[in-house]
């Protein structure tokens, strides 16, 4: 297995935590949040997808992506993330864009350094670890909200 195949497989497996939660969400779940917290289920789905799109574009060079990261700009839930089909479609697009650009990375690209304002300078391999942990972190929040809200 090549480095690219190994890292792709790792990302896909890690992302199943999030993907499996999406199967349990219905339209009424989208506005749920824990007492004393700001972010709803709908917000978190949108946020995860936006960050995946930003990674595809800014870390892995998918310049064809045009993303307006509303959750990052607002920095809190604005209450607008209530359309389940639109959220599912957007997160599927983000997944497909990131998957495609990871698949296109030559093996030697994983040691290339990239610099972003969000997390400084890292290799592409380390940056992939960042997106894995970001998605897992928010998937954990989703799981808690879905269980207790």
Protein backbone atom coordinates (compact mmCIF):
# COMPACT_ATOMS: atom_id res chain seq x y z
CA UNK A 1 0.00 0.00 0.00
CA UNK A 2 1.35 3.46 -0.87
CA UNK A 3 1.58 6.33 1.59
CA UNK A 4 -1.36 8.05 -0.09
CA UNK A 5 -3.49 4.89 0.08
CA UNK A 6 -2.59 4.36 3.74
CA UNK A 7 -3.42 7.92 4.73
CA UNK A 8 -6.64 7.89 2.73
CA UNK A 9 -7.71 4.65 4.43
CA UNK A 10 -6.88 6.16 7.83
CA UNK A 11 -8.91 9.31 7.14
CA UNK A 12 -11.87 7.31 5.80
CA UNK A 13 -11.92 5.05 8.86
CA UNK A 14 -11.64 7.96 11.29
CA UNK A 15 -14.45 9.81 9.53
CA UNK A 16 -16.89 6.91 10.04
CA UNK A 17 -17.60 8.26 13.54
CA UNK A 18 -19.13 11.33 11.92
CA UNK A 19 -20.69 9.51 8.95
CA UNK A 20 -22.46 6.99 11.20
CA UNK A 21 -23.95 9.78 13.30
CA UNK A 22 -25.44 11.39 10.20
CA UNK A 23 -27.59 8.29 9.71
CA UNK A 24 -29.28 8.96 13.08
CA UNK A 25 -30.14 12.60 12.47
CA UNK A 26 -33.54 13.80 11.38
CA UNK A 27 -34.86 17.31 10.73
CA UNK A 28 -36.00 17.73 14.34
CA UNK A 29 -32.48 16.96 15.61
CA UNK A 30 -30.86 19.86 13.80
CA UNK A 31 -31.78 22.54 16.32
CA UNK A 32 -30.84 20.44 19.37
CA UNK A 33 -28.06 21.69 21.61
CA UNK A 34 -27.04 21.12 25.17
CA UNK A 35 -28.17 23.58 27.84
CA UNK A 36 -25.58 26.28 28.25
CA UNK A 37 -23.92 25.65 24.89
CA UNK A 38 -24.05 27.59 21.63
CA UNK A 39 -23.76 25.09 18.80
CA UNK A 40 -26.60 23.00 17.43
CA UNK A 41 -26.44 19.71 15.56
CA UNK A 42 -27.07 21.55 12.28
CA UNK A 43 -24.30 24.05 12.96
CA UNK A 44 -21.80 21.30 13.73
CA UNK A 45 -22.63 19.37 10.54
CA UNK A 46 -22.14 22.53 8.48
CA UNK A 47 -18.95 23.42 10.36
CA UNK A 48 -17.33 20.03 9.81
CA UNK A 49 -18.14 20.24 6.09
CA UNK A 50 -16.80 23.78 5.78
CA UNK A 51 -13.52 22.84 7.42
CA UNK A 52 -13.17 19.82 5.12
CA UNK A 53 -13.68 22.12 2.12
CA UNK A 54 -11.12 24.58 3.48
CA UNK A 55 -8.61 21.77 3.95
CA UNK A 56 -9.16 20.53 0.41
CA UNK A 57 -8.59 24.03 -0.92
CA UNK A 58 -5.95 25.54 1.36
CA UNK A 59 -3.94 22.51 2.47
CA UNK A 60 -4.19 20.19 -0.50
CA UNK A 61 -4.46 22.73 -3.30
CA UNK A 62 -7.96 22.19 -4.72
CA UNK A 63 -8.17 25.70 -6.17
CA UNK A 64 -11.44 24.88 -7.94
CA UNK A 65 -13.30 24.98 -4.61
CA UNK A 66 -15.22 28.13 -3.74
CA UNK A 67 -16.16 28.08 -0.06
CA UNK A 68 -17.78 30.75 2.10
CA UNK A 69 -17.20 29.42 5.62
CA UNK A 70 -20.25 30.87 7.34
CA UNK A 71 -19.81 28.98 10.63
CA UNK A 72 -16.21 30.12 10.95
CA UNK A 73 -17.06 33.72 10.10
CA UNK A 74 -19.99 33.83 12.57
CA UNK A 75 -18.07 31.84 15.23
CA UNK A 76 -21.36 30.75 16.77
CA UNK A 77 -24.66 29.20 15.80
CA UNK A 78 -26.91 31.65 13.98
CA UNK A 79 -29.86 29.25 13.92
CA UNK A 80 -29.92 28.89 10.14
CA UNK A 81 -28.77 25.27 9.84
CA UNK A 82 -32.17 23.58 9.83
CA UNK A 83 -32.46 22.06 6.34
CA UNK A 84 -31.33 18.45 6.65
CA UNK A 85 -31.18 17.64 2.95
CA UNK A 86 -29.09 20.77 2.23
CA UNK A 87 -26.70 19.95 5.08
CA UNK A 88 -26.33 16.32 4.00
CA UNK A 89 -25.72 17.40 0.40
CA UNK A 90 -23.12 19.97 1.47
CA UNK A 91 -21.26 17.54 3.72
CA UNK A 92 -21.27 14.92 0.93
CA UNK A 93 -19.76 17.49 -1.42
CA UNK A 94 -17.11 18.35 1.17
CA UNK A 95 -16.35 14.66 1.73
CA UNK A 96 -16.02 14.02 -2.01
CA UNK A 97 -13.83 17.07 -2.59
CA UNK A 98 -11.45 16.19 0.23
CA UNK A 99 -11.35 12.51 -0.74
CA UNK A 100 -10.54 13.37 -4.35
CA UNK A 101 -7.73 15.75 -3.48
CA UNK A 102 -6.21 13.28 -0.99
CA UNK A 103 -6.31 10.55 -3.64
CA UNK A 104 -4.48 12.86 -6.04
CA UNK A 105 -1.55 13.50 -3.70
CA UNK A 106 1.66 11.86 -4.90
CA UNK A 107 3.42 9.89 -2.16
CA UNK A 108 6.21 12.46 -1.82
CA UNK A 109 3.71 15.30 -1.25
CA UNK A 110 2.95 14.15 2.30
CA UNK A 111 6.27 15.50 3.57
CA UNK A 112 5.77 18.91 1.94
CA UNK A 113 5.25 21.73 4.42
CA UNK A 114 2.26 24.00 4.13
CA UNK A 115 1.48 27.10 6.15
CA UNK A 116 -1.97 28.30 7.15
CA UNK A 117 -3.05 31.09 9.47
CA UNK A 118 -5.15 28.59 11.46
CA UNK A 119 -2.40 26.18 12.51
CA UNK A 120 0.94 27.44 11.22
CA UNK A 121 3.40 25.27 9.32
CA UNK A 122 2.91 21.51 9.13
CA UNK A 123 3.56 18.73 6.68
CA UNK A 124 0.57 17.63 4.66
CA UNK A 125 0.62 14.36 6.62
CA UNK A 126 0.41 16.26 9.92
CA UNK A 127 -2.31 18.50 8.49
CA UNK A 128 -4.33 15.38 7.66
CA UNK A 129 -4.03 14.42 11.32
CA UNK A 130 -5.46 17.83 12.15
CA UNK A 131 -8.56 17.33 9.99
CA UNK A 132 -9.02 13.84 11.44
CA UNK A 133 -8.93 15.17 14.99
CA UNK A 134 -11.16 18.14 14.11
CA UNK A 135 -13.88 15.91 12.69
CA UNK A 136 -13.60 13.44 15.57
CA UNK A 137 -13.78 16.24 18.14
CA UNK A 138 -17.00 17.63 16.68
CA UNK A 139 -18.43 14.15 16.04
CA UNK A 140 -18.05 13.58 19.78
CA UNK A 141 -19.98 16.77 20.45
CA UNK A 142 -22.69 15.62 18.04
CA UNK A 143 -22.94 12.25 19.76
CA UNK A 144 -23.35 13.87 23.18
CA UNK A 145 -25.99 16.30 21.91
CA UNK A 146 -27.92 13.53 20.17
CA UNK A 147 -27.82 11.39 23.32
CA UNK A 148 -28.60 13.99 25.96
CA UNK A 149 -30.41 16.96 24.37
